[in-house]
Amino acid sequence: MSENYIYSRPYGEAAFKLAVEDKSIENWSIHLAELSTIVSDSQTIAILSDPKIDNAMSLKFLSSFLDDVSNKNFLSFLSLLVETKRIIYMQEIAEIFESLKFKHNNIRVVEVESAHEVSADQLDSLTSLLKDKYQSEVKVKVSINKALMAGLKIKSNNEVIDLTIKSRLDQMEQQLII
């Protein structure tokens, strides 16, 4: 875990707690994701780091990107991030928030690596199988990794299911060496 996550965790957890209390988890999620994208831009970081721009101006600048910022708790939270210079950790805070949101909603995030593009039918079938396996809703994130040659590598929490040709070839190589 990177240092950024160590610094971000208390803020992500506090944001989630406030969102639960407000019964506005989805709005917080949307705003944090938007701000994550905005703050990841180097020009935005330069503006926020400029000593000529005070915290109030920075807060106004950031909130101008958001559609509806009527939630006082969200504005207070954003203000705190600006004042403590933790706004640069917005991506990690948003990721921690999303992780807590999925856990709260009993949704398991499953990362699937494939050597080739996964069709909609294959994704639906895989999602159904994973729902049955984990007995919960699943959110599948698919990425392409050509090094796998063929097959799938499925990661969820601390579990890895490696069904790739590369893995099988590596196993065969180990058996031949021994």
Protein backbone atom coordinates (compact mmCIF):
# COMPACT_ATOMS: atom_id res chain seq x y z
CA MET A 1 0.00 0.00 0.00
CA SER A 2 1.42 3.36 -0.99
CA GLU A 3 1.90 6.25 1.40
CA ASN A 4 -0.85 8.13 -0.40
CA TYR A 5 -3.36 5.52 0.79
CA ILE A 6 -2.06 5.75 4.33
CA TYR A 7 -2.67 9.52 4.32
CA SER A 8 -5.98 9.18 2.47
CA ARG A 9 -7.65 6.38 4.43
CA PRO A 10 -8.94 8.53 7.34
CA TYR A 11 -10.41 11.03 4.87
CA GLY A 12 -12.02 8.34 2.73
CA GLU A 13 -13.54 6.71 5.81
CA ALA A 14 -14.74 10.06 7.19
CA ALA A 15 -16.30 10.94 3.82
CA PHE A 16 -18.13 7.62 3.74
CA LYS A 17 -19.38 8.03 7.31
CA LEU A 18 -20.71 11.52 6.48
CA ALA A 19 -22.34 10.23 3.29
CA VAL A 20 -24.09 7.44 5.21
CA GLU A 21 -25.33 9.93 7.81
CA ASP A 22 -26.62 12.22 5.03
CA LYS A 23 -28.15 9.28 3.15
CA SER A 24 -26.37 10.62 0.06
CA ILE A 25 -23.77 7.98 -0.68
CA GLU A 26 -24.35 8.10 -4.44
CA ASN A 27 -24.03 11.91 -4.63
CA TRP A 28 -20.81 11.83 -2.64
CA SER A 29 -19.52 9.07 -4.89
CA ILE A 30 -20.24 11.09 -8.03
CA HIS A 31 -18.68 14.26 -6.63
CA LEU A 32 -15.56 12.48 -5.38
CA ALA A 33 -15.10 10.74 -8.74
CA GLU A 34 -15.46 14.04 -10.61
CA LEU A 35 -13.02 15.79 -8.30
CA SER A 36 -10.62 12.88 -8.61
CA THR A 37 -10.50 13.39 -12.36
CA ILE A 38 -10.17 17.16 -12.04
CA VAL A 39 -7.44 17.08 -9.40
CA SER A 40 -5.42 14.50 -11.32
CA ASP A 41 -4.77 17.15 -14.00
CA SER A 42 -1.35 18.82 -13.64
CA GLN A 43 -2.78 22.27 -14.46
CA THR A 44 -5.33 21.93 -11.67
CA ILE A 45 -2.58 20.95 -9.23
CA ALA A 46 -0.60 24.00 -10.33
CA ILE A 47 -3.59 26.26 -9.67
CA LEU A 48 -4.28 24.70 -6.27
CA SER A 49 -0.59 24.93 -5.31
CA ASP A 50 -0.27 28.60 -6.30
CA PRO A 51 0.39 30.62 -3.11
CA LYS A 52 -1.46 33.60 -4.63
CA ILE A 53 -4.72 31.63 -4.55
CA ASP A 54 -6.24 31.34 -1.09
CA ASN A 55 -8.30 28.44 0.22
CA ALA A 56 -11.64 30.14 -0.45
CA MET A 57 -10.74 30.67 -4.10
CA SER A 58 -9.51 27.08 -4.40
CA LEU A 59 -12.76 25.81 -2.90
CA LYS A 60 -14.82 27.96 -5.27
CA PHE A 61 -12.70 26.78 -8.20
CA LEU A 62 -13.20 23.09 -7.36
CA SER A 63 -16.90 23.37 -6.57
CA SER A 64 -17.49 25.13 -9.91
CA PHE A 65 -16.89 21.77 -11.63
CA LEU A 66 -19.66 20.05 -9.68
CA ASP A 67 -23.33 20.14 -10.71
CA ASP A 68 -25.11 20.35 -7.37
CA VAL A 69 -23.09 21.22 -4.31
CA SER A 70 -25.91 21.96 -1.88
CA ASN A 71 -24.70 19.41 0.68
CA LYS A 72 -23.07 21.38 3.51
CA ASN A 73 -21.21 18.34 4.82
CA PHE A 74 -19.65 17.75 1.41
CA LEU A 75 -18.59 21.39 1.13
CA SER A 76 -17.11 21.27 4.65
CA PHE A 77 -15.25 18.10 3.77
CA LEU A 78 -13.92 19.64 0.56
CA SER A 79 -12.90 22.75 2.47
CA LEU A 80 -11.02 20.61 4.98
CA LEU A 81 -9.13 18.86 2.16
CA VAL A 82 -8.17 22.20 0.64
CA GLU A 83 -7.07 23.70 3.98
CA THR A 84 -5.00 20.67 4.98
CA LYS A 85 -3.51 20.34 1.48
CA ARG A 86 -4.90 16.80 1.24
CA ILE A 87 -6.82 17.62 -1.92
CA ILE A 88 -3.91 16.12 -3.86
CA TYR A 89 -4.98 12.72 -2.52
CA MET A 90 -8.46 12.98 -4.03
CA GLN A 91 -7.98 9.95 -6.30
CA GLU A 92 -7.07 7.70 -3.36
CA ILE A 93 -9.85 9.16 -1.20
CA ALA A 94 -12.38 8.47 -3.98
CA GLU A 95 -11.09 4.90 -4.38
CA ILE A 96 -11.33 4.23 -0.63
CA PHE A 97 -14.84 5.70 -0.63
CA GLU A 98 -15.88 3.44 -3.52
CA SER A 99 -14.44 0.41 -1.77
CA LEU A 100 -16.45 1.21 1.36
CA LYS A 101 -19.57 1.85 -0.75
CA PHE A 102 -19.27 -1.57 -2.40
CA LYS A 103 -18.76 -3.25 0.96
CA HIS A 104 -21.76 -1.39 2.40
CA ASN A 105 -23.93 -2.51 -0.53
CA ASN A 106 -22.58 -6.09 -0.40
CA ILE A 107 -20.97 -5.80 -3.83
CA ARG A 108 -17.76 -7.68 -4.49
CA VAL A 109 -15.31 -6.08 -6.92
CA VAL A 110 -13.73 -8.65 -9.21
CA GLU A 111 -10.85 -7.79 -11.51
CA VAL A 112 -10.63 -9.92 -14.63
CA GLU A 113 -7.56 -9.92 -16.85
CA SER A 114 -7.96 -11.37 -20.31
CA ALA A 115 -5.58 -11.78 -23.20
CA HIS A 116 -8.34 -10.74 -25.60
CA GLU A 117 -11.43 -8.55 -25.65
CA VAL A 118 -14.34 -10.03 -23.66
CA SER A 119 -17.69 -9.92 -25.46
CA ALA A 120 -20.89 -8.74 -23.76
CA ASP A 121 -22.27 -12.30 -23.70
CA GLN A 122 -19.06 -13.67 -22.17
CA LEU A 123 -19.07 -10.88 -19.58
CA ASP A 124 -22.71 -11.60 -18.67
CA SER A 125 -21.98 -15.31 -18.33
CA LEU A 126 -18.86 -14.68 -16.25
CA THR A 127 -20.72 -12.20 -14.02
CA SER A 128 -23.47 -14.76 -13.43
CA LEU A 129 -20.91 -17.46 -12.51
CA LEU A 130 -19.12 -15.09 -10.14
CA LYS A 131 -22.41 -14.07 -8.46
CA ASP A 132 -23.11 -17.74 -7.80
CA LYS A 133 -19.58 -18.40 -6.57
CA TYR A 134 -19.44 -15.44 -4.16
CA GLN A 135 -23.15 -15.36 -3.23
CA SER A 136 -23.28 -11.59 -3.67
CA GLU A 137 -23.56 -8.95 -6.33
CA VAL A 138 -20.35 -8.45 -8.28
CA LYS A 139 -18.84 -5.57 -10.18
CA VAL A 140 -16.51 -6.90 -12.83
CA LYS A 141 -13.62 -4.77 -14.06
CA VAL A 142 -12.06 -6.18 -17.20
CA SER A 143 -8.55 -5.35 -18.42
CA ILE A 144 -6.59 -6.67 -21.37
CA ASN A 145 -3.16 -8.23 -20.79
CA LYS A 146 -1.67 -9.69 -23.98
CA ALA A 147 1.07 -11.43 -21.98
CA LEU A 148 -1.49 -13.96 -20.72
CA MET A 149 -1.72 -15.50 -24.23
CA ALA A 150 -5.22 -16.90 -23.63
CA GLY A 151 -7.60 -17.47 -20.74
CA LEU A 152 -8.54 -15.39 -17.73
CA LYS A 153 -6.98 -14.30 -14.46
CA ILE A 154 -9.64 -13.44 -11.85
CA LYS A 155 -8.77 -11.45 -8.72
CA SER A 156 -11.09 -10.69 -5.83
CA ASN A 157 -9.94 -9.59 -2.41
CA ASN A 158 -7.02 -11.91 -1.63
CA GLU A 159 -8.10 -14.68 -3.99
CA VAL A 160 -6.61 -15.25 -7.45
CA ILE A 161 -7.98 -17.76 -9.95
CA ASP A 162 -5.47 -18.14 -12.76
CA LEU A 163 -6.96 -19.87 -15.80
CA THR A 164 -4.42 -18.59 -18.31
CA ILE A 165 -2.30 -20.47 -20.82
CA LYS A 166 0.75 -18.63 -19.51
CA SER A 167 0.13 -20.01 -16.02
CA ARG A 168 -0.27 -23.55 -17.33
CA LEU A 169 2.92 -23.26 -19.41
CA ASP A 170 4.80 -21.97 -16.35
CA GLN A 171 3.54 -24.94 -14.34
CA MET A 172 4.64 -27.37 -17.04
CA GLU A 173 8.06 -25.71 -17.19
CA GLN A 174 8.46 -26.09 -13.41
CA GLN A 175 7.54 -29.78 -13.63
CA LEU A 176 10.08 -30.34 -16.40
CA ILE A 177 12.84 -28.60 -14.43
CA ILE A 178 12.21 -30.75 -11.35
